[in-house]
N, C-alpha and C. Protein backbone atom coordinates (compact mmCIF):
# COMPACT_ATOMS: atom_id res chain seq x y z
N MET A 1 0.20 15.05 -6.71
CA MET A 1 -0.30 14.60 -5.42
C MET A 1 -0.86 13.19 -5.57
N THR A 2 -0.58 12.36 -4.62
CA THR A 2 -1.08 10.99 -4.61
C THR A 2 -2.48 10.98 -4.02
N THR A 3 -3.41 10.31 -4.71
CA THR A 3 -4.77 10.18 -4.20
C THR A 3 -5.05 8.71 -3.87
N LEU A 4 -5.87 8.53 -2.87
CA LEU A 4 -6.25 7.19 -2.43
C LEU A 4 -7.75 7.04 -2.50
N SER A 5 -8.20 5.85 -2.88
CA SER A 5 -9.64 5.59 -2.87
C SER A 5 -9.87 4.17 -2.35
N LEU A 6 -10.84 4.04 -1.49
CA LEU A 6 -11.19 2.76 -0.90
C LEU A 6 -12.15 2.03 -1.82
N ASP A 7 -11.77 0.86 -2.26
CA ASP A 7 -12.62 0.00 -3.09
C ASP A 7 -13.24 -1.03 -2.15
N ARG A 8 -14.44 -0.75 -1.69
CA ARG A 8 -15.10 -1.61 -0.70
C ARG A 8 -15.46 -2.98 -1.29
N ASP A 9 -15.76 -3.04 -2.56
CA ASP A 9 -16.12 -4.32 -3.19
C ASP A 9 -14.97 -5.31 -3.15
N HIS A 10 -13.75 -4.82 -3.36
CA HIS A 10 -12.57 -5.68 -3.40
C HIS A 10 -11.72 -5.60 -2.14
N GLN A 11 -12.14 -4.75 -1.19
CA GLN A 11 -11.43 -4.59 0.09
C GLN A 11 -9.96 -4.23 -0.12
N VAL A 12 -9.73 -3.20 -0.96
CA VAL A 12 -8.38 -2.69 -1.21
C VAL A 12 -8.43 -1.17 -1.26
N ILE A 13 -7.26 -0.57 -1.08
CA ILE A 13 -7.10 0.86 -1.24
C ILE A 13 -6.34 1.06 -2.55
N ILE A 14 -6.95 1.76 -3.49
CA ILE A 14 -6.32 2.05 -4.78
C ILE A 14 -5.49 3.31 -4.62
N ILE A 15 -4.24 3.26 -5.08
CA ILE A 15 -3.32 4.38 -4.97
C ILE A 15 -3.05 4.94 -6.37
N ASN A 16 -3.26 6.24 -6.54
CA ASN A 16 -3.01 6.92 -7.81
C ASN A 16 -1.99 8.03 -7.60
N PRO A 17 -0.69 7.71 -7.80
CA PRO A 17 0.34 8.74 -7.63
C PRO A 17 0.43 9.63 -8.87
N ASP A 18 0.94 10.84 -8.68
CA ASP A 18 1.19 11.71 -9.83
C ASP A 18 2.16 11.06 -10.79
N ILE A 19 3.21 10.47 -10.22
CA ILE A 19 4.22 9.80 -11.03
C ILE A 19 4.35 8.38 -10.51
N MET A 20 4.10 7.43 -11.39
CA MET A 20 4.18 6.03 -11.02
C MET A 20 5.66 5.65 -10.85
N PRO A 21 5.99 4.95 -9.76
CA PRO A 21 7.39 4.54 -9.58
C PRO A 21 7.80 3.51 -10.63
N GLU A 22 9.07 3.49 -10.95
CA GLU A 22 9.62 2.44 -11.81
C GLU A 22 9.74 1.17 -10.97
N ALA A 23 9.80 0.03 -11.62
CA ALA A 23 9.87 -1.25 -10.90
C ALA A 23 11.05 -1.30 -9.94
N ASP A 24 12.21 -0.81 -10.37
CA ASP A 24 13.38 -0.88 -9.51
C ASP A 24 13.39 0.19 -8.42
N GLU A 25 12.42 1.09 -8.43
CA GLU A 25 12.30 2.13 -7.41
C GLU A 25 11.19 1.85 -6.41
N PHE A 26 10.43 0.78 -6.61
CA PHE A 26 9.24 0.56 -5.79
C PHE A 26 9.56 0.39 -4.31
N ASP A 27 10.58 -0.36 -3.97
CA ASP A 27 10.93 -0.57 -2.56
C ASP A 27 11.21 0.78 -1.89
N PHE A 28 12.01 1.60 -2.52
CA PHE A 28 12.32 2.93 -1.99
C PHE A 28 11.06 3.79 -1.93
N TRP A 29 10.26 3.80 -3.00
CA TRP A 29 9.02 4.59 -3.05
C TRP A 29 8.08 4.15 -1.93
N GLY A 30 7.94 2.82 -1.75
CA GLY A 30 7.05 2.30 -0.72
C GLY A 30 7.47 2.70 0.67
N HIS A 31 8.77 2.67 0.94
CA HIS A 31 9.27 3.10 2.26
C HIS A 31 8.96 4.57 2.51
N ILE A 32 9.11 5.40 1.50
CA ILE A 32 8.78 6.83 1.65
C ILE A 32 7.28 7.02 1.83
N PHE A 33 6.48 6.35 1.01
CA PHE A 33 5.03 6.48 1.07
C PHE A 33 4.49 6.03 2.42
N LEU A 34 5.04 4.98 2.97
CA LEU A 34 4.55 4.42 4.24
C LEU A 34 5.28 4.94 5.48
N HIS A 35 6.16 5.89 5.31
CA HIS A 35 6.92 6.43 6.44
C HIS A 35 5.99 7.29 7.31
N GLN A 36 5.33 6.63 8.26
CA GLN A 36 4.37 7.26 9.16
C GLN A 36 4.58 6.70 10.56
N ASP A 37 4.20 7.47 11.56
CA ASP A 37 4.38 7.05 12.95
C ASP A 37 3.68 5.75 13.30
N GLU A 38 2.49 5.53 12.75
CA GLU A 38 1.69 4.37 13.13
C GLU A 38 1.92 3.16 12.22
N ILE A 39 2.93 3.23 11.35
CA ILE A 39 3.19 2.14 10.41
C ILE A 39 4.59 1.59 10.63
N SER A 40 4.67 0.27 10.68
CA SER A 40 5.98 -0.39 10.72
C SER A 40 6.11 -1.23 9.44
N ILE A 41 7.22 -1.05 8.77
CA ILE A 41 7.45 -1.69 7.48
C ILE A 41 8.16 -3.02 7.69
N GLY A 42 7.72 -4.01 6.93
CA GLY A 42 8.28 -5.35 7.03
C GLY A 42 8.99 -5.78 5.77
N GLU A 43 8.72 -6.99 5.36
CA GLU A 43 9.40 -7.66 4.26
C GLU A 43 9.02 -7.11 2.88
N PHE A 44 10.02 -7.04 2.01
CA PHE A 44 9.83 -6.66 0.61
C PHE A 44 10.02 -7.89 -0.25
N SER A 45 9.09 -8.12 -1.18
CA SER A 45 9.18 -9.24 -2.13
C SER A 45 9.17 -8.69 -3.54
N LYS A 46 10.09 -9.21 -4.35
CA LYS A 46 10.23 -8.72 -5.72
C LYS A 46 9.97 -9.87 -6.68
N GLY A 47 9.06 -9.62 -7.63
CA GLY A 47 8.77 -10.62 -8.66
C GLY A 47 9.04 -10.06 -10.04
N ALA A 48 8.75 -10.84 -11.05
CA ALA A 48 9.01 -10.41 -12.43
C ALA A 48 8.15 -9.21 -12.82
N ASP A 49 6.88 -9.22 -12.45
CA ASP A 49 6.01 -8.11 -12.82
C ASP A 49 5.19 -7.57 -11.65
N ARG A 50 5.42 -8.10 -10.44
CA ARG A 50 4.69 -7.62 -9.27
C ARG A 50 5.62 -7.61 -8.07
N HIS A 51 5.58 -6.51 -7.33
CA HIS A 51 6.36 -6.38 -6.10
C HIS A 51 5.39 -6.16 -4.94
N MET A 52 5.84 -6.49 -3.73
CA MET A 52 4.98 -6.34 -2.57
C MET A 52 5.83 -5.92 -1.36
N LEU A 53 5.27 -5.01 -0.58
CA LEU A 53 5.91 -4.57 0.65
C LEU A 53 4.91 -4.79 1.78
N ARG A 54 5.27 -5.63 2.72
CA ARG A 54 4.40 -5.90 3.87
C ARG A 54 4.61 -4.82 4.93
N PHE A 55 3.52 -4.48 5.62
CA PHE A 55 3.62 -3.51 6.71
C PHE A 55 2.50 -3.74 7.71
N HIS A 56 2.64 -3.11 8.87
CA HIS A 56 1.62 -3.19 9.92
C HIS A 56 1.12 -1.78 10.25
N TYR A 57 -0.18 -1.69 10.43
CA TYR A 57 -0.83 -0.46 10.87
C TYR A 57 -1.73 -0.86 12.04
N ARG A 58 -1.53 -0.21 13.17
CA ARG A 58 -2.26 -0.55 14.39
C ARG A 58 -2.19 -2.05 14.69
N ASN A 59 -0.99 -2.57 14.54
CA ASN A 59 -0.69 -3.98 14.83
C ASN A 59 -1.42 -4.98 13.94
N CYS A 60 -1.92 -4.53 12.80
CA CYS A 60 -2.58 -5.43 11.85
C CYS A 60 -1.78 -5.44 10.54
N PRO A 61 -1.68 -6.61 9.89
CA PRO A 61 -0.87 -6.72 8.68
C PRO A 61 -1.60 -6.26 7.41
N PHE A 62 -0.81 -5.62 6.56
CA PHE A 62 -1.28 -5.15 5.25
C PHE A 62 -0.18 -5.40 4.23
N GLU A 63 -0.53 -5.29 2.95
CA GLU A 63 0.43 -5.45 1.87
C GLU A 63 0.26 -4.31 0.86
N LEU A 64 1.36 -3.67 0.53
CA LEU A 64 1.39 -2.67 -0.53
C LEU A 64 1.86 -3.38 -1.79
N HIS A 65 1.03 -3.40 -2.82
CA HIS A 65 1.32 -4.12 -4.07
C HIS A 65 1.61 -3.14 -5.19
N PHE A 66 2.51 -3.54 -6.07
CA PHE A 66 2.83 -2.79 -7.28
C PHE A 66 2.90 -3.77 -8.43
N GLU A 67 2.04 -3.56 -9.44
CA GLU A 67 2.06 -4.38 -10.64
C GLU A 67 2.67 -3.55 -11.75
N TYR A 68 3.86 -3.92 -12.15
CA TYR A 68 4.66 -3.13 -13.08
C TYR A 68 4.00 -2.95 -14.45
N TYR A 69 3.57 -4.02 -15.08
CA TYR A 69 3.06 -3.92 -16.45
C TYR A 69 1.73 -3.19 -16.54
N GLY A 70 0.93 -3.24 -15.50
CA GLY A 70 -0.35 -2.54 -15.51
C GLY A 70 -0.31 -1.19 -14.85
N ASP A 71 0.86 -0.81 -14.30
CA ASP A 71 0.97 0.44 -13.55
C ASP A 71 -0.12 0.54 -12.49
N ASN A 72 -0.23 -0.48 -11.67
CA ASN A 72 -1.23 -0.52 -10.61
C ASN A 72 -0.57 -0.55 -9.25
N LEU A 73 -1.10 0.24 -8.34
CA LEU A 73 -0.66 0.28 -6.95
C LEU A 73 -1.88 0.12 -6.06
N TRP A 74 -1.79 -0.76 -5.06
CA TRP A 74 -2.91 -0.91 -4.13
C TRP A 74 -2.43 -1.48 -2.81
N ILE A 75 -3.24 -1.29 -1.80
CA ILE A 75 -2.99 -1.85 -0.47
C ILE A 75 -4.10 -2.87 -0.20
N ALA A 76 -3.68 -4.05 0.20
CA ALA A 76 -4.62 -5.11 0.55
C ALA A 76 -4.49 -5.43 2.03
N ALA A 77 -5.61 -5.74 2.65
CA ALA A 77 -5.63 -6.16 4.04
C ALA A 77 -5.22 -7.63 4.11
N SER A 78 -4.54 -8.01 5.17
CA SER A 78 -4.16 -9.40 5.38
C SER A 78 -4.92 -9.96 6.57
N GLY A 79 -6.19 -10.27 6.34
CA GLY A 79 -7.01 -10.84 7.40
C GLY A 79 -8.21 -9.98 7.75
N ALA A 80 -9.11 -10.57 8.50
CA ALA A 80 -10.37 -9.92 8.85
C ALA A 80 -10.17 -8.68 9.71
N GLN A 81 -9.25 -8.73 10.67
CA GLN A 81 -9.00 -7.57 11.54
C GLN A 81 -8.47 -6.40 10.71
N SER A 82 -7.61 -6.69 9.75
CA SER A 82 -7.05 -5.65 8.90
C SER A 82 -8.13 -5.04 8.01
N GLU A 83 -9.03 -5.86 7.51
CA GLU A 83 -10.12 -5.34 6.67
C GLU A 83 -10.95 -4.30 7.41
N LEU A 84 -11.13 -4.49 8.71
CA LEU A 84 -11.90 -3.52 9.51
C LEU A 84 -11.20 -2.17 9.59
N LEU A 85 -9.88 -2.14 9.35
CA LEU A 85 -9.10 -0.90 9.45
C LEU A 85 -8.84 -0.23 8.11
N LEU A 86 -9.32 -0.80 7.01
CA LEU A 86 -9.03 -0.22 5.69
C LEU A 86 -9.49 1.22 5.55
N GLU A 87 -10.67 1.54 6.02
CA GLU A 87 -11.16 2.91 5.92
C GLU A 87 -10.31 3.86 6.77
N ASN A 88 -9.97 3.43 7.99
CA ASN A 88 -9.10 4.26 8.85
C ASN A 88 -7.74 4.46 8.21
N LEU A 89 -7.18 3.40 7.62
CA LEU A 89 -5.88 3.50 6.97
C LEU A 89 -5.94 4.45 5.78
N THR A 90 -7.01 4.39 5.02
CA THR A 90 -7.19 5.30 3.88
C THR A 90 -7.19 6.74 4.36
N ASP A 91 -7.95 7.04 5.41
CA ASP A 91 -8.00 8.39 5.96
C ASP A 91 -6.64 8.81 6.51
N TYR A 92 -5.97 7.90 7.21
CA TYR A 92 -4.67 8.19 7.81
C TYR A 92 -3.64 8.54 6.74
N LEU A 93 -3.55 7.73 5.70
CA LEU A 93 -2.58 7.99 4.65
C LEU A 93 -2.96 9.21 3.81
N SER A 94 -4.24 9.46 3.63
CA SER A 94 -4.68 10.64 2.86
C SER A 94 -4.37 11.93 3.58
N ALA A 95 -4.39 11.90 4.90
CA ALA A 95 -4.16 13.10 5.70
C ALA A 95 -2.68 13.46 5.79
N SER A 96 -1.81 12.52 5.45
CA SER A 96 -0.38 12.81 5.61
C SER A 96 0.26 13.30 4.33
């Protein structure tokens, strides 16, 4: 089971999946993880050791990050309005 925790100090949602996706599976994993009624998925960016999937929740932008070498997954808010929704987004994704 994937668990989420809100890191208020850094304004991110830490994601701890049972099985960490492989780098070449992140785009697919992210689409499945974010497949929710209130989320629209945007652009995917692929780097050497970090990938990012942009999305919107309640019309506010967010980024799902994956750092391959550190096995880290997190969601960052993109702007002040998005930061206000981090707790709601954590609850929304945890409930699904």
